[in-house]
PDB file of N, CA and C in Angstrom:
ATOM      1  N   MET A   1      14.499  16.143  -6.349  1.00  0.00           N
ATOM      2  CA  MET A   1      15.164  17.436  -5.956  1.00  0.00           C
ATOM      3  C   MET A   1      16.146  17.617  -7.105  1.00  0.00           C
ATOM      4  N   GLU A   2      15.963  18.556  -7.802  1.00  0.00           N
ATOM      5  CA  GLU A   2      16.782  18.715  -9.339  1.00  0.00           C
ATOM      6  C   GLU A   2      18.313  19.070  -8.904  1.00  0.00           C
ATOM      7  N   HIS A   3      19.005  19.663  -8.196  1.00  0.00           N
ATOM      8  CA  HIS A   3      20.017  20.056  -7.749  1.00  0.00           C
ATOM      9  C   HIS A   3      20.493  19.848  -6.418  1.00  0.00           C
ATOM     10  N   GLY A   4      20.223  18.863  -5.769  1.00  0.00           N
ATOM     11  CA  GLY A   4      20.383  18.525  -4.108  1.00  0.00           C
ATOM     12  C   GLY A   4      20.401  16.985  -3.991  1.00  0.00           C
ATOM     13  N   VAL A   5      20.858  16.748  -3.306  1.00  0.00           N
ATOM     14  CA  VAL A   5      20.843  15.414  -2.670  1.00  0.00           C
ATOM     15  C   VAL A   5      20.494  15.220  -0.963  1.00  0.00           C
ATOM     16  N   VAL A   6      19.301  14.468  -1.019  1.00  0.00           N
ATOM     17  CA  VAL A   6      18.833  13.879   0.308  1.00  0.00           C
ATOM     18  C   VAL A   6      19.229  12.974   0.858  1.00  0.00           C
ATOM     19  N   PHE A   7      19.649  12.636   2.485  1.00  0.00           N
ATOM     20  CA  PHE A   7      20.184  11.844   2.848  1.00  0.00           C
ATOM     21  C   PHE A   7      19.335  11.688   4.202  1.00  0.00           C
ATOM     22  N   TRP A   8      19.049  10.755   4.350  1.00  0.00           N
ATOM     23  CA  TRP A   8      17.667  10.507   5.882  1.00  0.00           C
ATOM     24  C   TRP A   8      18.661   9.751   6.853  1.00  0.00           C
ATOM     25  N   TYR A   9      18.375  10.291   7.953  1.00  0.00           N
ATOM     26  CA  TYR A   9      19.326   9.538   8.984  1.00  0.00           C
ATOM     27  C   TYR A   9      18.097   8.672   9.533  1.00  0.00           C
ATOM     28  N   ASP A  10      18.305   7.517  10.147  1.00  0.00           N
ATOM     29  CA  ASP A  10      17.749   6.608  10.670  1.00  0.00           C
ATOM     30  C   ASP A  10      16.530   6.473  11.836  1.00  0.00           C
ATOM     31  N   SER A  11      16.896   7.717  12.149  1.00  0.00           N
ATOM     32  CA  SER A  11      16.285   7.938  13.418  1.00  0.00           C
ATOM     33  C   SER A  11      14.476   8.133  13.692  1.00  0.00           C
ATOM     34  N   ILE A  12      14.056   8.621  12.484  1.00  0.00           N
ATOM     35  CA  ILE A  12      12.336   8.893  12.246  1.00  0.00           C
ATOM     36  C   ILE A  12      11.847   7.290  11.684  1.00  0.00           C
ATOM     37  N   ILE A  13      11.391   6.894  12.145  1.00  0.00           N
ATOM     38  CA  ILE A  13      10.626   5.900  11.760  1.00  0.00           C
ATOM     39  C   ILE A  13       8.893   6.028  11.157  1.00  0.00           C
ATOM     40  N   ASP A  14       8.576   5.273  10.392  1.00  0.00           N
ATOM     41  CA  ASP A  14       7.509   5.398   9.391  1.00  0.00           C
ATOM     42  C   ASP A  14       6.161   6.464  10.232  1.00  0.00           C
ATOM     43  N   THR A  15       6.128   5.826  11.459  1.00  0.00           N
ATOM     44  CA  THR A  15       5.042   6.889  12.558  1.00  0.00           C
ATOM     45  C   THR A  15       5.169   7.864  12.700  1.00  0.00           C
ATOM     46  N   GLY A  16       6.289   8.353  12.386  1.00  0.00           N
ATOM     47  CA  GLY A  16       6.791   9.634  12.796  1.00  0.00           C
ATOM     48  C   GLY A  16       7.765   9.642  14.103  1.00  0.00           C
ATOM     49  N   ASP A  17       7.482   8.862  14.921  1.00  0.00           N
ATOM     50  CA  ASP A  17       8.321   8.780  16.189  1.00  0.00           C
ATOM     51  C   ASP A  17       9.842   8.628  15.758  1.00  0.00           C
ATOM     52  N   LEU A  18      10.612   9.029  16.867  1.00  0.00           N
ATOM     53  CA  LEU A  18      12.356   9.158  16.974  1.00  0.00           C
ATOM     54  C   LEU A  18      12.576   7.610  17.603  1.00  0.00           C
ATOM     55  N   ARG A  19      12.926   6.750  16.819  1.00  0.00           N
ATOM     56  CA  ARG A  19      13.513   5.380  17.249  1.00  0.00           C
ATOM     57  C   ARG A  19      14.427   5.170  16.381  1.00  0.00           C
ATOM     58  N   TRP A  20      16.160   5.142  17.066  1.00  0.00           N
ATOM     59  CA  TRP A  20      16.778   4.753  16.036  1.00  0.00           C
ATOM     60  C   TRP A  20      17.045   3.288  15.518  1.00  0.00           C
ATOM     61  N   GLN A  21      16.987   3.509  14.552  1.00  0.00           N
ATOM     62  CA  GLN A  21      17.000   1.758  14.271  1.00  0.00           C
ATOM     63  C   GLN A  21      18.181   0.816  14.217  1.00  0.00           C
ATOM     64  N   ASN A  22      19.289   1.646  13.512  1.00  0.00           N
ATOM     65  CA  ASN A  22      20.741   1.481  14.163  1.00  0.00           C
ATOM     66  C   ASN A  22      20.866   0.134  12.623  1.00  0.00           C
ATOM     67  N   GLU A  23      19.928   0.362  11.553  1.00  0.00           N
ATOM     68  CA  GLU A  23      19.714  -0.509  10.120  1.00  0.00           C
ATOM     69  C   GLU A  23      18.734  -0.054   9.524  1.00  0.00           C
ATOM     70  N   ILE A  24      18.678  -0.589   8.282  1.00  0.00           N
ATOM     71  CA  ILE A  24      17.729  -0.388   7.690  1.00  0.00           C
ATOM     72  C   ILE A  24      16.310  -1.473   7.142  1.00  0.00           C
ATOM     73  N   ASN A  25      15.163  -1.061   7.700  1.00  0.00           N
ATOM     74  CA  ASN A  25      14.371  -2.248   8.081  1.00  0.00           C
ATOM     75  C   ASN A  25      12.912  -1.680   7.583  1.00  0.00           C
ATOM     76  N   ALA A  26      12.098  -2.673   7.952  1.00  0.00           N
ATOM     77  CA  ALA A  26      10.221  -2.442   7.665  1.00  0.00           C
ATOM     78  C   ALA A  26       9.997  -0.936   8.121  1.00  0.00           C
ATOM     79  N   LYS A  27      10.451  -0.576   9.335  1.00  0.00           N
ATOM     80  CA  LYS A  27       9.980   0.966   9.848  1.00  0.00           C
ATOM     81  C   LYS A  27      10.504   1.904   9.188  1.00  0.00           C
ATOM     82  N   ASN A  28      11.586   2.017   8.462  1.00  0.00           N
ATOM     83  CA  ASN A  28      12.201   3.055   7.724  1.00  0.00           C
ATOM     84  C   ASN A  28      12.660   2.665   6.203  1.00  0.00           C
ATOM     85  N   VAL A  29      12.328   1.731   5.500  1.00  0.00           N
ATOM     86  CA  VAL A  29      12.528   1.620   4.362  1.00  0.00           C
ATOM     87  C   VAL A  29      11.947   2.700   3.209  1.00  0.00           C
ATOM     88  N   ARG A  30      11.103   2.791   3.316  1.00  0.00           N
ATOM     89  CA  ARG A  30      10.291   3.724   2.808  1.00  0.00           C
ATOM     90  C   ARG A  30      11.232   5.429   2.535  1.00  0.00           C
ATOM     91  N   PHE A  31      11.816   5.735   3.869  1.00  0.00           N
ATOM     92  CA  PHE A  31      12.729   6.547   3.380  1.00  0.00           C
ATOM     93  C   PHE A  31      13.654   6.489   2.640  1.00  0.00           C
ATOM     94  N   PHE A  32      14.345   5.384   2.981  1.00  0.00           N
ATOM     95  CA  PHE A  32      15.892   4.902   2.179  1.00  0.00           C
ATOM     96  C   PHE A  32      15.379   5.220   0.577  1.00  0.00           C
ATOM     97  N   ARG A  33      14.210   4.674   0.173  1.00  0.00           N
ATOM     98  CA  ARG A  33      13.773   4.601  -1.249  1.00  0.00           C
ATOM     99  C   ARG A  33      13.720   5.459  -1.760  1.00  0.00           C
ATOM    100  N   ALA A  34      13.222   6.819  -0.996  1.00  0.00           N
ATOM    101  CA  ALA A  34      12.976   8.273  -1.443  1.00  0.00           C
ATOM    102  C   ALA A  34      13.870   9.095  -1.319  1.00  0.00           C
ATOM    103  N   ALA A  35      15.051   8.302  -0.426  1.00  0.00           N
ATOM    104  CA  ALA A  35      16.603   9.408  -0.806  1.00  0.00           C
ATOM    105  C   ALA A  35      17.307   8.648  -1.262  1.00  0.00           C
ATOM    106  N   HIS A  36      18.574  10.048  -1.428  1.00  0.00           N
ATOM    107  CA  HIS A  36      19.926   9.107  -1.865  1.00  0.00           C
ATOM    108  C   HIS A  36      20.143   8.319  -1.444  1.00  0.00           C
ATOM    109  N   GLY A  37      20.265   8.395  -0.204  1.00  0.00           N
ATOM    110  CA  GLY A  37      20.972   7.902   0.901  1.00  0.00           C
ATOM    111  C   GLY A  37      20.605   7.681   2.376  1.00  0.00           C
ATOM    112  N   MET A  38      21.126   6.653   3.209  1.00  0.00           N
ATOM    113  CA  MET A  38      20.324   6.502   4.530  1.00  0.00           C
ATOM    114  C   MET A  38      21.702   6.675   5.308  1.00  0.00           C
ATOM    115  N   LEU A  39      21.766   7.369   6.423  1.00  0.00           N
ATOM    116  CA  LEU A  39      23.127   7.532   7.393  1.00  0.00           C
ATOM    117  C   LEU A  39      22.339   6.701   8.670  1.00  0.00           C
ATOM    118  N   ILE A  40      23.133   5.531   8.601  1.00  0.00           N
ATOM    119  CA  ILE A  40      22.835   4.472   9.697  1.00  0.00           C
ATOM    120  C   ILE A  40      23.668   5.040  11.043  1.00  0.00           C
ATOM    121  N   ASN A  41      22.686   5.056  12.459  1.00  0.00           N
ATOM    122  CA  ASN A  41      23.280   5.462  13.599  1.00  0.00           C
ATOM    123  C   ASN A  41      24.848   4.678  13.827  1.00  0.00           C
ATOM    124  N   TYR A  42      25.357   4.915  14.697  1.00  0.00           N
ATOM    125  CA  TYR A  42      26.549   4.081  15.200  1.00  0.00           C
ATOM    126  C   TYR A  42      26.438   3.269  16.219  1.00  0.00           C
ATOM    127  N   THR A  43      25.522   2.507  16.386  1.00  0.00           N
ATOM    128  CA  THR A  43      24.905   1.197  17.616  1.00  0.00           C
ATOM    129  C   THR A  43      24.537   0.054  16.749  1.00  0.00           C
ATOM    130  N   TRP A  44      25.161   0.097  15.416  1.00  0.00           N
ATOM    131  CA  TRP A  44      24.567  -1.094  14.715  1.00  0.00           C
ATOM    132  C   TRP A  44      25.436  -2.270  14.949  1.00  0.00           C
ATOM    133  N   ASN A  45      24.729  -3.493  14.679  1.00  0.00           N
ATOM    134  CA  ASN A  45      25.792  -4.518  15.152  1.00  0.00           C
ATOM    135  C   ASN A  45      25.743  -5.754  13.630  1.00  0.00           C
ATOM    136  N   ASP A  46      26.408  -6.745  13.517  1.00  0.00           N
ATOM    137  CA  ASP A  46      26.393  -7.791  12.475  1.00  0.00           C
ATOM    138  C   ASP A  46      24.618  -8.259  12.062  1.00  0.00           C
ATOM    139  N   LYS A  47      24.416  -8.410  12.581  1.00  0.00           N
ATOM    140  CA  LYS A  47      22.775  -8.371  12.468  1.00  0.00           C
ATOM    141  C   LYS A  47      22.236  -7.200  11.927  1.00  0.00           C
ATOM    142  N   SER A  48      22.442  -5.991  12.110  1.00  0.00           N
ATOM    143  CA  SER A  48      21.901  -4.657  11.299  1.00  0.00           C
ATOM    144  C   SER A  48      22.545  -4.851   9.881  1.00  0.00           C
ATOM    145  N   LEU A  49      23.860  -5.229   9.909  1.00  0.00           N
ATOM    146  CA  LEU A  49      24.630  -5.335   8.734  1.00  0.00           C
ATOM    147  C   LEU A  49      23.488  -6.224   7.534  1.00  0.00           C
ATOM    148  N   GLU A  50      23.287  -7.220   7.932  1.00  0.00           N
ATOM    149  CA  GLU A  50      22.453  -8.607   7.423  1.00  0.00           C
ATOM    150  C   GLU A  50      20.990  -8.016   7.437  1.00  0.00           C
ATOM    151  N   MET A  51      20.599  -7.198   8.353  1.00  0.00           N
ATOM    152  CA  MET A  51      18.818  -7.003   7.814  1.00  0.00           C
ATOM    153  C   MET A  51      19.309  -5.948   6.460  1.00  0.00           C
ATOM    154  N   THR A  52      20.100  -5.094   6.526  1.00  0.00           N
ATOM    155  CA  THR A  52      20.150  -4.055   5.830  1.00  0.00           C
ATOM    156  C   THR A  52      20.196  -4.545   4.807  1.00  0.00           C
ATOM    157  N   THR A  53      21.379  -5.574   4.496  1.00  0.00           N
ATOM    158  CA  THR A  53      21.920  -6.262   3.090  1.00  0.00           C
ATOM    159  C   THR A  53      20.561  -7.208   2.712  1.00  0.00           C
ATOM    160  N   GLU A  54      19.942  -7.676   3.123  1.00  0.00           N
ATOM    161  CA  GLU A  54      18.330  -8.198   2.604  1.00  0.00           C
ATOM    162  C   GLU A  54      17.524  -7.064   2.194  1.00  0.00           C
ATOM    163  N   ILE A  55      17.312  -5.947   2.978  1.00  0.00           N
ATOM    164  CA  ILE A  55      16.748  -5.202   2.485  1.00  0.00           C
ATOM    165  C   ILE A  55      17.133  -4.550   1.264  1.00  0.00           C
ATOM    166  N   CYS A  56      18.039  -4.025   1.252  1.00  0.00           N
ATOM    167  CA  CYS A  56      18.953  -3.709  -0.369  1.00  0.00           C
ATOM    168  C   CYS A  56      18.480  -4.628  -1.392  1.00  0.00           C
ATOM    169  N   GLU A  57      18.919  -5.971  -1.073  1.00  0.00           N
ATOM    170  CA  GLU A  57      18.794  -7.050  -2.199  1.00  0.00           C
ATOM    171  C   GLU A  57      17.239  -6.789  -3.062  1.00  0.00           C
ATOM    172  N   ARG A  58      16.450  -7.113  -1.629  1.00  0.00           N
ATOM    173  CA  ARG A  58      14.781  -6.847  -1.905  1.00  0.00           C
ATOM    174  C   ARG A  58      14.175  -6.041  -2.725  1.00  0.00           C
ATOM    175  N   SER A  59      15.063  -4.881  -2.358  1.00  0.00           N
ATOM    176  CA  SER A  59      14.769  -3.322  -3.086  1.00  0.00           C
ATOM    177  C   SER A  59      15.240  -3.190  -4.268  1.00  0.00           C
ATOM    178  N   GLN A  60      15.980  -4.098  -4.521  1.00  0.00           N
ATOM    179  CA  GLN A  60      16.911  -3.892  -5.700  1.00  0.00           C
ATOM    180  C   GLN A  60      17.961  -2.353  -5.814  1.00  0.00           C
ATOM    181  N   ALA A  61      18.306  -2.237  -4.534  1.00  0.00           N
ATOM    182  CA  ALA A  61      18.849  -0.973  -4.342  1.00  0.00           C
ATOM    183  C   ALA A  61      20.681  -1.166  -3.851  1.00  0.00           C
ATOM    184  N   GLN A  62      21.084  -0.261  -4.631  1.00  0.00           N
ATOM    185  CA  GLN A  62      22.766  -0.371  -4.138  1.00  0.00           C
ATOM    186  C   GLN A  62      22.844  -0.064  -2.752  1.00  0.00           C
ATOM    187  N   CYS A  63      23.662  -1.273  -2.122  1.00  0.00           N
ATOM    188  CA  CYS A  63      24.242  -0.893  -0.896  1.00  0.00           C
ATOM    189  C   CYS A  63      24.827  -0.119  -0.590  1.00  0.00           C
ATOM    190  N   GLN A  64      25.359   0.686  -1.415  1.00  0.00           N
ATOM    191  CA  GLN A  64      26.515   1.885  -1.381  1.00  0.00           C
ATOM    192  C   GLN A  64      25.594   3.251  -0.514  1.00  0.00           C
ATOM    193  N   ARG A  65      24.250   2.993  -0.965  1.00  0.00           N
ATOM    194  CA  ARG A  65      23.604   4.295  -0.706  1.00  0.00           C
ATOM    195  C   ARG A  65      23.110   4.124   1.111  1.00  0.00           C
ATOM    196  N   ALA A  66      23.473   2.990   1.673  1.00  0.00           N
ATOM    197  CA  ALA A  66      23.388   2.601   3.344  1.00  0.00           C
ATOM    198  C   ALA A  66      24.862   3.373   3.705  1.00  0.00           C
ATOM    199  N   PHE A  67      24.642   4.231   4.433  1.00  0.00           N
ATOM    200  CA  PHE A  67      26.131   5.138   5.318  1.00  0.00           C
ATOM    201  C   PHE A  67      26.138   4.367   6.315  1.00  0.00           C
ATOM    202  N   PHE A  68      26.868   3.127   7.056  1.00  0.00           N
ATOM    203  CA  PHE A  68      26.891   3.081   8.646  1.00  0.00           C
ATOM    204  C   PHE A  68      27.909   3.951   9.256  1.00  0.00           C
ATOM    205  N   GLY A  69      27.042   4.150  10.243  1.00  0.00           N
ATOM    206  CA  GLY A  69      28.091   5.223  11.066  1.00  0.00           C
ATOM    207  C   GLY A  69      28.991   4.578  12.032  1.00  0.00           C
ATOM    208  N   ILE A  70      30.584   5.272  12.065  1.00  0.00           N
ATOM    209  CA  ILE A  70      31.397   5.129  13.039  1.00  0.00           C
ATOM    210  C   ILE A  70      31.577   6.344  13.738  1.00  0.00           C
ATOM    211  N   ASP A  71      31.387   6.301  15.233  1.00  0.00           N
ATOM    212  CA  ASP A  71      31.577   7.103  16.118  1.00  0.00           C
ATOM    213  C   ASP A  71      32.872   7.064  16.356  1.00  0.00           C
ATOM    214  N   VAL A  72      33.654   7.860  16.106  1.00  0.00           N
ATOM    215  CA  VAL A  72      35.217   7.993  16.144  1.00  0.00           C
ATOM    216  C   VAL A  72      35.569   7.760  17.887  1.00  0.00           C
ATOM    217  N   PHE A  73      34.583   8.360  18.617  1.00  0.00           N
ATOM    218  CA  PHE A  73      34.991   8.201  19.911  1.00  0.00           C
ATOM    219  C   PHE A  73      34.916   7.016  20.711  1.00  0.00           C
ATOM    220  N   GLY A  74      34.178   6.108  19.351  1.00  0.00           N
ATOM    221  CA  GLY A  74      34.020   4.519  20.243  1.00  0.00           C
ATOM    222  C   GLY A  74      32.687   4.197  20.743  1.00  0.00           C
ATOM    223  N   ARG A  75      31.560   5.437  20.901  1.00  0.00           N
ATOM    224  CA  ARG A  75      30.432   4.799  21.208  1.00  0.00           C
ATOM    225  C   ARG A  75      29.910   3.817  20.054  1.00  0.00           C
ATOM    226  N   GLY A  76      29.431   2.452  20.685  1.00  0.00           N
ATOM    227  CA  GLY A  76      28.876   1.826  19.866  1.00  0.00           C
ATOM    228  C   GLY A  76      29.296   0.456  19.007  1.00  0.00           C
ATOM    229  N   GLN A  77      31.016   0.982  18.371  1.00  0.00           N
ATOM    230  CA  GLN A  77      31.984   0.484  17.688  1.00  0.00           C
ATOM    231  C   GLN A  77      33.490   0.566  18.352  1.00  0.00           C
ATOM    232  N   VAL A  78      34.174  -0.609  17.958  1.00  0.00           N
ATOM    233  CA  VAL A  78      35.838  -0.082  17.950  1.00  0.00           C
ATOM    234  C   VAL A  78      35.854   1.174  17.155  1.00  0.00           C
ATOM    235  N   ALA A  79      36.663   2.025  17.628  1.00  0.00           N
ATOM    236  CA  ALA A  79      36.840   3.088  16.751  1.00  0.00           C
ATOM    237  C   ALA A  79      37.883   3.529  17.370  1.00  0.00           C
ATOM    238  N   LYS A  80      38.241   5.321  17.387  1.00  0.00           N
ATOM    239  CA  LYS A  80      39.766   5.677  17.998  1.00  0.00           C
ATOM    240  C   LYS A  80      40.622   5.304  16.805  1.00  0.00           C
ATOM    241  N   PHE A  81      41.752   5.060  17.051  1.00  0.00           N
ATOM    242  CA  PHE A  81      42.974   4.556  16.026  1.00  0.00           C
ATOM    243  C   PHE A  81      43.134   3.124  15.577  1.00  0.00           C
ATOM    244  N   GLN A  82      41.557   2.563  15.816  1.00  0.00           N
ATOM    245  CA  GLN A  82      41.156   1.299  15.413  1.00  0.00           C
ATOM    246  C   GLN A  82      39.954   1.351  14.678  1.00  0.00           C
ATOM    247  N   CYS A  83      39.760   2.390  13.951  1.00  0.00           N
ATOM    248  CA  CYS A  83      38.690   2.618  13.178  1.00  0.00           C
ATOM    249  C   CYS A  83      38.998   1.879  11.927  1.00  0.00           C
ATOM    250  N   LYS A  84      39.755   1.264  11.462  1.00  0.00           N
ATOM    251  CA  LYS A  84      39.902   0.691  10.416  1.00  0.00           C
ATOM    252  C   LYS A  84      39.582  -0.924  10.430  1.00  0.00           C
ATOM    253  N   GLN A  85      39.145  -1.265  11.802  1.00  0.00           N
ATOM    254  CA  GLN A  85      38.789  -2.718  12.085  1.00  0.00           C
ATOM    255  C   GLN A  85      36.850  -2.374  11.838  1.00  0.00           C
ATOM    256  N   THR A  86      36.230  -1.431  12.822  1.00  0.00           N
ATOM    257  CA  THR A  86      34.692  -1.438  11.979  1.00  0.00           C
ATOM    258  C   THR A  86      34.541  -1.145  10.588  1.00  0.00           C
ATOM    259  N   LEU A  87      35.536  -0.143  10.300  1.00  0.00           N
ATOM    260  CA  LEU A  87      35.238   0.382   8.458  1.00  0.00           C
ATOM    261  C   LEU A  87      35.528  -1.347   7.728  1.00  0.00           C
ATOM    262  N   ALA A  88      36.427  -2.004   8.060  1.00  0.00           N
ATOM    263  CA  ALA A  88      36.210  -3.158   7.352  1.00  0.00           C
ATOM    264  C   ALA A  88      35.065  -4.246   7.497  1.00  0.00           C
ATOM    265  N   ARG A  89      34.447  -3.945   8.313  1.00  0.00           N
ATOM    266  CA  ARG A  89      33.186  -4.886   8.556  1.00  0.00           C
ATOM    267  C   ARG A  89      31.941  -4.252   7.901  1.00  0.00           C
ATOM    268  N   ILE A  90      32.084  -2.598   7.847  1.00  0.00           N
ATOM    269  CA  ILE A  90      31.204  -2.108   6.918  1.00  0.00           C
ATOM    270  C   ILE A  90      31.524  -2.562   5.295  1.00  0.00           C
ATOM    271  N   VAL A  91      32.858  -2.289   4.922  1.00  0.00           N
ATOM    272  CA  VAL A  91      33.222  -2.220   3.593  1.00  0.00           C
ATOM    273  C   VAL A  91      32.919  -3.706   3.508  1.00  0.00           C
ATOM    274  N   ASN A  92      33.372  -5.042   3.881  1.00  0.00           N
ATOM    275  CA  ASN A  92      32.837  -5.834   3.599  1.00  0.00           C
ATOM    276  C   ASN A  92      31.734  -6.835   3.391  1.00  0.00           C
ATOM    277  N   GLN A  93      30.452  -5.779   3.634  1.00  0.00           N
ATOM    278  CA  GLN A  93      28.828  -5.767   3.055  1.00  0.00           C
ATOM    279  C   GLN A  93      28.890  -4.890   1.986  1.00  0.00           C
ATOM    280  N   ARG A  94      29.888  -4.381   1.287  1.00  0.00           N
ATOM    281  CA  ARG A  94      29.435  -2.986   0.275  1.00  0.00           C
ATOM    282  C   ARG A  94      28.697  -2.141   0.608  1.00  0.00           C
ATOM    283  N   PHE A  95      28.802  -1.352   1.496  1.00  0.00           N
ATOM    284  CA  PHE A  95      27.892  -0.386   2.457  1.00  0.00           C
ATOM    285  C   PHE A  95      29.059   0.564   2.464  1.00  0.00           C
ATOM    286  N   SER A  96      28.454   1.997   2.217  1.00  0.00           N
ATOM    287  CA  SER A  96      29.355   3.228   2.879  1.00  0.00           C
ATOM    288  C   SER A  96      29.192   3.549   4.318  1.00  0.00           C
ATOM    289  N   THR A  97      30.368   4.359   5.093  1.00  0.00           N
ATOM    290  CA  THR A  97      30.304   4.786   6.091  1.00  0.00           C
ATOM    291  C   THR A  97      30.090   6.614   6.127  1.00  0.00           C
ATOM    292  N   GLY A  98      29.487   6.409   7.529  1.00  0.00           N
ATOM    293  CA  GLY A  98      29.438   8.010   8.040  1.00  0.00           C
ATOM    294  C   GLY A  98      30.196   8.339   9.094  1.00  0.00           C
ATOM    295  N   LEU A  99      30.882   9.434   9.125  1.00  0.00           N
ATOM    296  CA  LEU A  99      31.863   9.476  10.168  1.00  0.00           C
ATOM    297  C   LEU A  99      31.349  10.387  11.718  1.00  0.00           C
ATOM    298  N   PHE A 100      30.854  10.169  12.636  1.00  0.00           N
ATOM    299  CA  PHE A 100      30.260  10.772  13.796  1.00  0.00           C
ATOM    300  C   PHE A 100      31.516  11.246  14.753  1.00  0.00           C
ATOM    301  N   ALA A 101      31.741  12.341  14.619  1.00  0.00           N
ATOM    302  CA  ALA A 101      32.412  13.378  15.716  1.00  0.00           C
ATOM    303  C   ALA A 101      34.042  12.970  15.294  1.00  0.00           C
ATOM    304  N   PRO A 102      34.558  13.296  14.178  1.00  0.00           N
ATOM    305  CA  PRO A 102      35.612  13.074  13.597  1.00  0.00           C
ATOM    306  C   PRO A 102      36.788  13.911  14.350  1.00  0.00           C
ATOM    307  N   ALA A 103      36.294  15.004  14.953  1.00  0.00           N
ATOM    308  CA  ALA A 103      37.141  15.472  15.730  1.00  0.00           C
ATOM    309  C   ALA A 103      37.826  15.115  17.166  1.00  0.00           C
ATOM    310  N   TRP A 104      37.622  13.903  17.140  1.00  0.00           N
ATOM    311  CA  TRP A 104      38.536  13.227  17.875  1.00  0.00           C
ATOM    312  C   TRP A 104      39.877  13.352  17.735  1.00  0.00           C
ATOM    313  N   THR A 105      40.012  12.555  16.579  1.00  0.00           N
ATOM    314  CA  THR A 105      41.354  12.808  16.171  1.00  0.00           C
ATOM    315  C   THR A 105      42.092  14.179  16.421  1.00  0.00           C
ATOM    316  N   TYR A 106      41.364  15.167  15.870  1.00  0.00           N
ATOM    317  CA  TYR A 106      42.385  16.570  15.984  1.00  0.00           C
ATOM    318  C   TYR A 106      42.428  16.878  17.788  1.00  0.00           C
ATOM    319  N   GLU A 107      41.154  16.439  18.496  1.00  0.00           N
ATOM    320  CA  GLU A 107      41.433  16.544  19.793  1.00  0.00           C
ATOM    321  C   GLU A 107      42.871  15.886  20.619  1.00  0.00           C
ATOM    322  N   THR A 108      42.775  14.610  20.211  1.00  0.00           N
ATOM    323  CA  THR A 108      43.563  13.179  20.480  1.00  0.00           C
ATOM    324  C   THR A 108      44.944  13.630  20.121  1.00  0.00           C
ATOM    325  N   LEU A 109      45.187  13.874  18.764  1.00  0.00           N
ATOM    326  CA  LEU A 109      46.898  14.007  18.496  1.00  0.00           C
ATOM    327  C   LEU A 109      47.740  15.150  19.255  1.00  0.00           C
ATOM    328  N   GLN A 110      46.698  16.208  19.548  1.00  0.00           N
ATOM    329  CA  GLN A 110      47.187  17.001  20.321  1.00  0.00           C
ATOM    330  C   GLN A 110      48.133  16.196  21.339  1.00  0.00           C
ATOM    331  N   THR A 111      47.215  15.672  22.456  1.00  0.00           N
ATOM    332  CA  THR A 111      47.869  15.079  23.616  1.00  0.00           C
ATOM    333  C   THR A 111      48.979  14.459  23.429  1.00  0.00           C
ATOM    334  N   PHE A 112      49.217  14.019  22.076  1.00  0.00           N
ATOM    335  CA  PHE A 112      50.464  13.221  22.001  1.00  0.00           C
ATOM    336  C   PHE A 112      51.316  13.805  21.254  1.00  0.00           C
ATOM    337  N   GLY A 113      51.682  15.500  21.490  1.00  0.00           N
ATOM    338  CA  GLY A 113      52.241  16.278  21.304  1.00  0.00           C
ATOM    339  C   GLY A 113      52.711  17.055  19.615  1.00  0.00           C
ATOM    340  N   TYR A 114      51.588  16.472  18.878  1.00  0.00           N
ATOM    341  CA  TYR A 114      51.572  16.926  17.529  1.00  0.00           C
ATOM    342  C   TYR A 114      51.025  17.951  17.374  1.00  0.00           C
ATOM    343  N   ASN A 115      51.419  19.190  16.200  1.00  0.00           N
ATOM    344  CA  ASN A 115      51.435  20.296  16.317  1.00  0.00           C
ATOM    345  C   ASN A 115      50.143  20.123  15.239  1.00  0.00           C
ATOM    346  N   ILE A 116      48.854  20.162  15.079  1.00  0.00           N
ATOM    347  CA  ILE A 116      48.248  19.890  14.020  1.00  0.00           C
ATOM    348  C   ILE A 116      47.332  21.488  14.149  1.00  0.00           C
ATOM    349  N   LYS A 117      47.949  22.255  14.089  1.00  0.00           N
ATOM    350  CA  LYS A 117      47.492  23.818  13.836  1.00  0.00           C
ATOM    351  C   LYS A 117      48.177  24.522  12.656  1.00  0.00           C
ATOM    352  N   GLN A 118      49.395  23.512  12.229  1.00  0.00           N
ATOM    353  CA  GLN A 118      50.559  24.226  11.170  1.00  0.00           C
ATOM    354  C   GLN A 118      49.199  24.263   9.900  1.00  0.00           C
ATOM    355  N   PRO A 119      49.334  25.264   9.094  1.00  0.00           N
ATOM    356  CA  PRO A 119      48.392  25.503   8.246  1.00  0.00           C
ATOM    357  C   PRO A 119      48.464  24.259   6.960  1.00  0.00           C
ATOM    358  N   LEU A 120      49.762  23.895   6.947  1.00  0.00           N
ATOM    359  CA  LEU A 120      49.989  23.107   5.713  1.00  0.00           C
ATOM    360  C   LEU A 120      49.991  21.708   6.221  1.00  0.00           C
ATOM    361  N   GLY A 121      50.058  21.688   7.447  1.00  0.00           N
ATOM    362  CA  GLY A 121      50.026  20.256   8.095  1.00  0.00           C
ATOM    363  C   GLY A 121      51.132  19.500   8.774  1.00  0.00           C
ATOM    364  N   ASP A 122      50.975  18.674   9.381  1.00  0.00           N
ATOM    365  CA  ASP A 122      52.231  17.718   9.601  1.00  0.00           C
ATOM    366  C   ASP A 122      51.975  16.350   9.074  1.00  0.00           C
ATOM    367  N   ASP A 123      53.092  16.065   8.275  1.00  0.00           N
ATOM    368  CA  ASP A 123      53.434  15.361   7.578  1.00  0.00           C
ATOM    369  C   ASP A 123      53.955  13.867   8.335  1.00  0.00           C
ATOM    370  N   SER A 124      54.140  14.101  10.051  1.00  0.00           N
ATOM    371  CA  SER A 124      54.017  12.983  10.692  1.00  0.00           C
ATOM    372  C   SER A 124      52.972  11.961  11.151  1.00  0.00           C
ATOM    373  N   VAL A 125      51.663  12.917  10.869  1.00  0.00           N
ATOM    374  CA  VAL A 125      50.558  12.315  11.228  1.00  0.00           C
ATOM    375  C   VAL A 125      49.829  11.942  10.335  1.00  0.00           C
TER     376      VAL A 125
END
């Protein structure tokens, strides 16, 4: 694609079936090789990080092309106001991240009395 960027979500495997992999593996690596990057679902674990590292090394691909998901609502990983813990696990392996449901922050800050609707933002946030 001359003027675009293609990202693949890890939900479709080589058979065409819908099966979240939560990592890059033999069932989806061909899509990773063909795309500019891959978004990994948010229910991955440390074994998923290891498998993806191995695939990237074997493929001589940049690890940063794999975007491990963090669901800010906390499904699958430590999240909410502790997202940095999950992000650290991703970054330590040289991967990128993709955020699912970042609106959690917007919705939650209102419950703490922050006026998040100010056009110029709120410095205390």
